[in-house]
Amino acid sequence: MSAGAGISFFFNDTATTEIYTSPNTLSLPDALPICAGATAPTLSQTAPNGVAGAWTPATVSNIATGTYVFTPTSSCNIGQTLTVVVNQSPTMTLTSGNATQSICLGNPIANIVYTVSNTTSVTVNSLPAGVTGTLSGTTYTISGTPTASGYISIAANGTCAPSSNMTGSISLSNC
């Protein structure tokens, strides 16, 4: 039988009343983001409000997202679940086109298409005049009609470092 606020127990004709206040909550975050391969946090055996307990599992993975359960040693406290979200570094992969092109002046380049993942944005460090880049979902497309030769330098940025960088060049000639 578990005790609760105001419940009386009788032992050998002696009344004993145990009064419990509201159970202690642990003040832990619901989720904790970390980067893949980064040093995994150590799970303290004491919650921020001083409640002692144990974690299952006891060690955080820095490879895959996981759920960790804190079980207080006192039954007067409520356990809590913590989800550790492991974020991957951004990637960018050339899926069509050629990042290095030689074309005739006045002609458009063949689209250069990248697939990006774990990416929050794409930074354009350098594109030839007349050439633009557009991010749509997980596809980054470079297109346009260059007015001058130049270099391509772009970076996929995400929650975790390092950025994924791609380079190329556009050369114009009078044909």
Protein backbone atom coordinates (compact mmCIF):
# COMPACT_ATOMS: atom_id res chain seq x y z
CA MET A 1 0.00 0.00 0.00
CA SER A 2 1.35 3.43 -0.83
CA ALA A 3 0.91 6.40 1.41
CA GLY A 4 -0.63 9.67 0.31
CA ALA A 5 -1.55 12.97 1.93
CA GLY A 6 -3.74 12.51 4.99
CA ILE A 7 -3.90 8.70 4.97
CA SER A 8 -3.75 7.13 8.44
CA PHE A 9 -2.23 3.76 9.30
CA PHE A 10 -3.02 1.91 12.56
CA PHE A 11 -0.43 -0.29 14.18
CA ASN A 12 -1.11 -1.91 17.57
CA ASP A 13 -3.94 0.51 18.34
CA THR A 14 -1.64 3.51 17.75
CA ALA A 15 -2.61 5.96 15.02
CA THR A 16 0.20 7.05 12.76
CA THR A 17 -0.38 9.63 10.09
CA GLU A 18 2.08 10.15 7.27
CA ILE A 19 1.65 13.33 5.32
CA TYR A 20 3.32 13.82 1.98
CA THR A 21 3.54 17.10 0.16
CA SER A 22 3.26 17.24 -3.60
CA PRO A 23 5.89 15.05 -5.22
CA ASN A 24 9.07 16.83 -6.23
CA THR A 25 9.53 17.36 -9.91
CA LEU A 26 13.07 17.23 -11.15
CA SER A 27 13.51 20.43 -13.18
CA LEU A 28 15.22 18.59 -16.03
CA PRO A 29 14.90 19.63 -19.66
CA ASP A 30 12.70 17.45 -21.91
CA ALA A 31 15.33 17.37 -24.67
CA LEU A 32 19.05 18.00 -24.97
CA PRO A 33 20.62 18.54 -28.40
CA ILE A 34 24.24 17.52 -29.00
CA CYS A 35 26.35 17.13 -32.13
CA ALA A 36 27.37 13.72 -33.44
CA GLY A 37 30.86 12.84 -32.30
CA ALA A 38 30.97 15.63 -29.70
CA THR A 39 31.76 14.81 -26.09
CA ALA A 40 28.60 13.27 -24.67
CA PRO A 41 27.29 14.88 -21.49
CA THR A 42 27.66 13.04 -18.20
CA LEU A 43 24.33 12.36 -16.53
CA SER A 44 24.47 13.57 -12.94
CA GLN A 45 23.06 11.30 -10.24
CA THR A 46 21.53 14.41 -8.66
CA ALA A 47 18.84 16.51 -10.39
CA PRO A 48 19.21 20.33 -10.38
CA ASN A 49 16.83 20.57 -7.39
CA GLY A 50 18.92 18.13 -5.31
CA VAL A 51 16.91 14.93 -5.87
CA ALA A 52 19.17 11.85 -6.01
CA GLY A 53 18.56 9.01 -8.43
CA ALA A 54 19.91 6.92 -11.28
CA TRP A 55 19.75 7.04 -15.09
CA THR A 56 18.80 4.20 -17.43
CA PRO A 57 20.85 3.82 -19.53
CA ALA A 58 23.63 5.42 -17.53
CA THR A 59 25.76 6.64 -20.46
CA VAL A 60 24.74 9.05 -23.21
CA SER A 61 25.47 8.09 -26.82
CA ASN A 62 27.04 10.74 -29.05
CA ILE A 63 26.16 8.71 -32.16
CA ALA A 64 22.39 8.19 -32.06
CA THR A 65 19.39 9.96 -30.53
CA GLY A 66 18.21 8.20 -27.38
CA THR A 67 15.85 8.35 -24.43
CA TYR A 68 17.18 8.34 -20.87
CA VAL A 69 15.05 7.80 -17.77
CA PHE A 70 15.91 9.35 -14.38
CA THR A 71 14.49 7.31 -11.50
CA PRO A 72 14.66 9.06 -8.13
CA THR A 73 15.80 7.00 -5.15
CA SER A 74 12.90 8.43 -3.10
CA SER A 75 9.34 7.41 -3.91
CA CYS A 76 8.26 10.95 -3.03
CA ASN A 77 9.72 12.19 -6.28
CA ILE A 78 8.57 11.80 -9.84
CA GLY A 79 10.95 10.36 -12.42
CA GLN A 80 11.55 12.06 -15.73
CA THR A 81 12.52 11.18 -19.27
CA LEU A 82 15.19 13.08 -21.17
CA THR A 83 15.61 12.76 -24.93
CA VAL A 84 19.13 13.42 -26.17
CA VAL A 85 18.90 14.45 -29.81
CA VAL A 86 22.12 13.77 -31.74
CA ASN A 87 22.38 16.20 -34.67
CA GLN A 88 24.56 15.33 -37.66
CA SER A 89 26.92 17.72 -39.47
CA PRO A 90 25.58 19.28 -42.66
CA THR A 91 26.35 17.57 -45.95
CA MET A 92 26.18 18.71 -49.56
CA THR A 93 26.44 16.30 -52.49
CA LEU A 94 26.62 17.18 -56.18
CA THR A 95 23.69 15.35 -57.77
CA SER A 96 23.67 16.77 -61.30
CA GLY A 97 25.62 19.16 -63.47
CA ASN A 98 29.27 20.02 -63.30
CA ALA A 99 30.67 22.56 -60.84
CA THR A 100 33.42 23.49 -63.31
CA GLN A 101 32.12 24.64 -66.69
CA SER A 102 33.49 26.38 -69.77
CA ILE A 103 30.79 28.08 -71.81
CA CYS A 104 30.42 30.65 -74.52
CA LEU A 105 29.75 34.24 -73.49
CA GLY A 106 25.99 34.91 -73.40
CA ASN A 107 24.98 31.27 -72.83
CA PRO A 108 23.49 29.97 -69.57
CA ILE A 109 25.37 27.45 -67.49
CA ALA A 110 24.02 23.91 -67.14
CA ASN A 111 22.28 23.86 -63.77
CA ILE A 112 24.48 22.69 -60.92
CA VAL A 113 22.34 20.80 -58.39
CA TYR A 114 23.32 19.73 -54.88
CA THR A 115 21.39 17.68 -52.35
CA VAL A 116 21.83 19.00 -48.82
CA SER A 117 21.02 17.34 -45.51
CA ASN A 118 21.19 18.39 -41.86
CA THR A 119 21.29 21.90 -43.28
CA THR A 120 19.65 25.06 -41.95
CA SER A 121 20.98 27.40 -44.65
CA VAL A 122 23.39 27.68 -47.57
CA THR A 123 25.91 30.52 -47.60
CA VAL A 124 27.13 31.84 -50.94
CA ASN A 125 30.74 32.91 -50.59
CA SER A 126 31.27 33.49 -54.29
CA LEU A 127 29.30 33.14 -57.55
CA PRO A 128 30.10 34.70 -60.93
CA ALA A 129 28.02 37.76 -61.85
CA GLY A 130 24.72 36.69 -63.44
CA VAL A 131 24.66 33.35 -61.59
CA THR A 132 22.38 32.71 -58.57
CA GLY A 133 21.72 29.94 -56.08
CA THR A 134 18.38 28.83 -54.68
CA LEU A 135 17.61 26.48 -51.78
CA SER A 136 14.31 24.60 -52.05
CA GLY A 137 13.82 21.91 -49.42
CA THR A 138 16.91 19.69 -49.65
CA THR A 139 17.93 20.87 -53.15
CA TYR A 140 20.32 23.73 -53.84
CA THR A 141 20.44 24.80 -57.50
CA ILE A 142 22.96 27.14 -59.12
CA SER A 143 21.82 28.58 -62.45
CA GLY A 144 21.96 31.63 -64.66
CA THR A 145 23.83 33.31 -67.49
CA PRO A 146 27.21 34.56 -66.28
CA THR A 147 28.45 37.93 -67.47
CA ALA A 148 32.01 37.23 -66.33
CA SER A 149 34.19 34.25 -65.46
CA GLY A 150 34.40 33.48 -61.76
CA TYR A 151 34.57 31.02 -58.93
CA ILE A 152 31.81 29.15 -57.13
CA SER A 153 32.13 28.79 -53.38
CA ILE A 154 29.15 27.76 -51.25
CA ALA A 155 28.73 26.26 -47.78
CA ALA A 156 25.92 24.21 -46.25
CA ASN A 157 25.39 25.28 -42.63
CA GLY A 158 23.67 23.31 -39.90
CA THR A 159 23.21 23.01 -36.19
CA CYS A 160 26.55 21.23 -35.95
CA ALA A 161 29.93 22.10 -37.41
CA PRO A 162 31.77 21.74 -39.66
CA SER A 163 30.03 23.25 -42.65
CA SER A 164 30.08 21.34 -45.91
CA ASN A 165 31.85 23.42 -48.57
CA MET A 166 31.71 23.08 -52.36
CA THR A 167 33.71 24.92 -54.99
CA GLY A 168 33.86 25.21 -58.74
CA SER A 169 34.48 27.69 -61.53
CA ILE A 170 32.83 29.11 -64.60
CA SER A 171 35.05 30.11 -67.53
CA LEU A 172 33.66 32.21 -70.37
CA SER A 173 35.04 32.40 -73.87
CA ASN A 174 34.06 34.16 -77.11
CA CYS A 175 32.82 31.37 -79.34
